[in-house]
């Protein structure tokens, strides 16, 4: 399966609790934190919910 690189680019302050928990589930704890994960349907769904807070890059 393809891998994606997720980087948190905006703060979770003043965001709904659900979005904060989604960032935590993705493994993003701080601003500019980066995580490489498999592009499963579950991960892509989580990324879609917080797309305004993260930057996504596809890895070869």
Protein backbone atom coordinates (compact mmCIF):
# COMPACT_ATOMS: atom_id res chain seq x y z
CA UNK A 1 0.00 0.00 0.00
CA UNK A 2 1.11 3.59 -0.59
CA UNK A 3 2.59 5.67 2.19
CA UNK A 4 1.76 9.28 2.95
CA UNK A 5 3.59 11.87 5.03
CA UNK A 6 1.33 13.96 7.27
CA UNK A 7 2.59 17.23 8.80
CA UNK A 8 0.60 19.34 11.24
CA UNK A 9 0.78 22.96 10.03
CA UNK A 10 -1.90 24.62 12.18
CA UNK A 11 -2.56 24.54 15.90
CA UNK A 12 -5.30 22.46 17.51
CA UNK A 13 -6.07 25.26 19.97
CA UNK A 14 -9.72 26.39 19.76
CA UNK A 15 -10.66 23.34 17.69
CA UNK A 16 -13.42 20.89 18.59
CA UNK A 17 -12.35 18.03 20.87
CA UNK A 18 -13.06 15.53 18.09
CA UNK A 19 -10.47 17.17 15.81
CA UNK A 20 -7.91 17.17 18.64
CA UNK A 21 -8.49 13.46 19.19
CA UNK A 22 -8.15 12.80 15.45
CA UNK A 23 -4.76 14.53 15.40
CA UNK A 24 -3.72 12.47 18.40
CA UNK A 25 -4.85 9.26 16.67
CA UNK A 26 -2.74 10.21 13.64
CA UNK A 27 0.26 10.56 15.96
CA UNK A 28 0.58 14.33 15.67
CA UNK A 29 1.30 15.96 19.03
CA UNK A 30 2.91 19.30 18.20
CA UNK A 31 2.97 21.90 15.47
CA UNK A 32 5.21 20.83 12.55
CA UNK A 33 5.16 17.23 13.76
CA UNK A 34 5.49 14.75 10.88
CA UNK A 35 4.36 11.14 10.64
CA UNK A 36 4.69 8.59 7.82
CA UNK A 37 1.73 6.20 7.66
CA UNK A 38 0.14 3.69 5.28
CA UNK A 39 -2.64 5.22 3.17
CA UNK A 40 -5.46 2.99 4.44
CA UNK A 41 -9.11 4.05 4.09
CA UNK A 42 -9.25 4.68 7.85
CA UNK A 43 -6.21 6.98 7.81
CA UNK A 44 -7.43 8.83 4.72
CA UNK A 45 -10.79 9.41 6.42
CA UNK A 46 -9.08 10.87 9.48
CA UNK A 47 -6.88 13.10 7.30
CA UNK A 48 -9.98 14.36 5.48
CA UNK A 49 -11.54 15.45 8.79
CA UNK A 50 -8.51 17.57 9.74
CA UNK A 51 -7.33 18.56 6.26
CA UNK A 52 -7.38 22.25 7.25
CA UNK A 53 -4.78 21.55 9.96
CA UNK A 54 -2.38 19.26 8.09
CA UNK A 55 -0.28 19.02 4.92
CA UNK A 56 -0.21 15.70 3.07
CA UNK A 57 2.57 14.43 0.79
CA UNK A 58 2.60 11.15 -1.13
CA UNK A 59 5.76 9.10 -0.86
CA UNK A 60 7.08 7.06 -3.76
